[in-house]
Amino acid sequence: MSDENNGTTGALAGKIMCHAMWARDGRQLADFYATALGTEVSQTYPGENGAEAACAFYVNGAMYLFYTSPSYRAPRWPEEELPFHMDFSFPDVTAAEKRLAELGATKPGHQPGGKHWTVLFDPSGQPFCIHGTR
């Protein structure tokens, strides 16, 4: 990789500092993922009208930020390709699936991972996968 401005070459060493997601209810989604990752929402941010517009928490130094967007539309997966999704691992994937369902996750019929992973939809309708710990 070359930087045309100053002629330097070399690999970049960036780090992801924030994962941002949108949903009709950002607080609901933040609470869902915070619970799934064993933490709690630790920050909220107001929108232009002063109402809560985004919620965040941190895991291993990375921020997870969830915005409320009234125009959010869940992807129609598997008919539509996903721009991204998240995968989570749990020591007891069966217990995790049950607890995630209690928190609002749903399980679609289409399961392309077979015995390797399980696809779930979060409360906003966004697919994510769960695996056993490797």
Protein backbone atom coordinates (compact mmCIF):
# COMPACT_ATOMS: atom_id res chain seq x y z
CA MET A 1 0.00 0.00 0.00
CA SER A 2 1.40 3.36 -0.96
CA ASP A 3 0.45 6.85 0.20
CA GLU A 4 0.72 9.06 -2.89
CA ASN A 5 0.94 12.20 -0.76
CA ASN A 6 4.19 11.41 1.01
CA GLY A 7 5.54 8.23 -0.58
CA THR A 8 5.31 6.06 2.58
CA THR A 9 4.39 2.41 2.44
CA GLY A 10 3.46 -0.10 5.07
CA ALA A 11 0.59 -1.78 6.80
CA LEU A 12 -1.94 0.18 8.78
CA ALA A 13 -2.54 -0.74 12.41
CA GLY A 14 -6.04 0.60 13.06
CA LYS A 15 -8.37 -0.73 15.72
CA ILE A 16 -12.13 -0.80 15.76
CA MET A 17 -13.22 1.61 18.45
CA CYS A 18 -16.98 1.59 17.85
CA HIS A 19 -19.61 -0.73 16.42
CA ALA A 20 -22.73 1.31 15.56
CA MET A 21 -26.15 -0.11 14.77
CA TRP A 22 -29.53 1.42 14.03
CA ALA A 23 -32.99 0.23 15.06
CA ARG A 24 -36.47 1.61 15.54
CA ASP A 25 -35.74 1.42 19.27
CA GLY A 26 -32.04 1.91 19.94
CA ARG A 27 -32.48 1.54 23.71
CA GLN A 28 -34.18 -1.84 23.35
CA LEU A 29 -31.41 -3.07 21.06
CA ALA A 30 -28.66 -1.70 23.32
CA ASP A 31 -30.20 -3.46 26.33
CA PHE A 32 -30.48 -6.71 24.35
CA TYR A 33 -26.84 -6.77 23.26
CA ALA A 34 -25.52 -5.44 26.57
CA THR A 35 -27.25 -8.30 28.38
CA ALA A 36 -26.01 -10.83 25.80
CA LEU A 37 -22.44 -9.59 26.38
CA GLY A 38 -22.74 -9.52 30.18
CA THR A 39 -22.81 -5.76 30.72
CA GLU A 40 -25.20 -2.80 30.92
CA VAL A 41 -25.82 0.37 28.95
CA SER A 42 -23.41 2.93 30.40
CA GLN A 43 -24.01 6.02 28.29
CA THR A 44 -26.90 7.73 26.53
CA TYR A 45 -26.85 10.57 24.05
CA PRO A 46 -29.63 13.08 23.33
CA GLY A 47 -30.91 13.89 19.86
CA GLU A 48 -31.77 17.32 18.51
CA ASN A 49 -35.02 17.42 20.50
CA GLY A 50 -33.28 16.43 23.75
CA ALA A 51 -34.81 12.93 23.87
CA GLU A 52 -32.56 9.87 24.11
CA ALA A 53 -31.29 9.14 20.59
CA ALA A 54 -28.45 6.69 21.19
CA CYS A 55 -27.25 4.30 23.88
CA ALA A 56 -23.83 2.76 24.37
CA PHE A 57 -21.77 0.31 26.38
CA TYR A 58 -18.17 -0.91 26.24
CA VAL A 59 -16.74 -4.41 25.97
CA ASN A 60 -12.96 -4.94 25.89
CA GLY A 61 -12.40 -1.26 25.14
CA ALA A 62 -14.72 -1.15 22.12
CA MET A 63 -17.91 0.90 22.19
CA TYR A 64 -21.18 -0.59 21.00
CA LEU A 65 -23.51 2.26 20.02
CA PHE A 66 -27.20 1.88 19.17
CA TYR A 67 -29.16 4.66 17.48
CA THR A 68 -32.92 5.07 17.37
CA SER A 69 -34.12 5.60 13.82
CA PRO A 70 -37.87 5.78 13.10
CA SER A 71 -37.14 4.94 9.44
CA TYR A 72 -35.13 1.78 10.24
CA ARG A 73 -36.13 -1.25 8.20
CA ALA A 74 -34.85 -4.70 9.07
CA PRO A 75 -33.15 -6.55 6.22
CA ARG A 76 -35.22 -9.23 4.50
CA TRP A 77 -32.72 -12.01 5.02
CA PRO A 78 -32.01 -14.43 3.38
CA GLU A 79 -33.61 -12.80 0.32
CA GLU A 80 -31.38 -9.74 0.73
CA GLU A 81 -27.66 -9.97 1.35
CA LEU A 82 -26.42 -8.44 4.58
CA PRO A 83 -23.85 -5.66 4.61
CA PHE A 84 -22.54 -7.14 7.88
CA HIS A 85 -23.59 -9.19 10.88
CA MET A 86 -22.13 -10.20 14.22
CA ASP A 87 -21.20 -13.64 15.53
CA PHE A 88 -21.10 -14.47 19.25
CA SER A 89 -19.69 -17.48 21.04
CA PHE A 90 -21.00 -18.92 24.28
CA PRO A 91 -19.74 -21.80 26.45
CA ASP A 92 -23.28 -23.29 26.46
CA VAL A 93 -24.87 -22.35 23.14
CA THR A 94 -28.16 -24.12 23.97
CA ALA A 95 -28.60 -22.12 27.17
CA ALA A 96 -27.55 -18.93 25.37
CA GLU A 97 -30.13 -19.48 22.63
CA LYS A 98 -32.84 -19.95 25.25
CA ARG A 99 -31.83 -16.82 27.19
CA LEU A 100 -31.54 -14.74 24.00
CA ALA A 101 -35.07 -15.82 23.05
CA GLU A 102 -36.25 -14.66 26.49
CA LEU A 103 -34.62 -11.29 25.72
CA GLY A 104 -36.47 -10.97 22.40
CA ALA A 105 -34.44 -12.90 19.81
CA THR A 106 -36.28 -15.05 17.31
CA LYS A 107 -35.06 -18.00 15.28
CA PRO A 108 -35.72 -18.05 11.54
CA GLY A 109 -36.40 -21.28 9.70
CA HIS A 110 -33.44 -20.76 7.36
CA GLN A 111 -30.37 -22.14 9.16
CA PRO A 112 -27.45 -22.31 6.71
CA GLY A 113 -24.89 -23.18 9.39
CA GLY A 114 -26.19 -26.64 10.09
CA LYS A 115 -24.58 -27.81 13.34
CA HIS A 116 -21.80 -25.19 13.13
CA TRP A 117 -23.79 -22.07 14.07
CA THR A 118 -27.33 -20.86 14.68
CA VAL A 119 -28.84 -17.77 13.10
CA LEU A 120 -31.09 -15.63 15.27
CA PHE A 121 -32.80 -12.28 14.69
CA ASP A 122 -32.26 -9.60 17.32
CA PRO A 123 -35.28 -7.52 18.44
CA SER A 124 -34.74 -5.13 15.50
CA GLY A 125 -34.89 -7.99 12.97
CA GLN A 126 -31.14 -7.97 12.20
CA PRO A 127 -29.65 -11.48 11.86
CA PHE A 128 -26.72 -12.54 14.06
CA CYS A 129 -25.11 -15.90 14.70
CA ILE A 130 -24.26 -17.82 17.84
CA HIS A 131 -21.63 -20.52 18.16
CA GLY A 132 -20.24 -22.70 20.88
CA THR A 133 -16.94 -21.54 22.35
CA ARG A 134 -14.02 -22.72 20.24
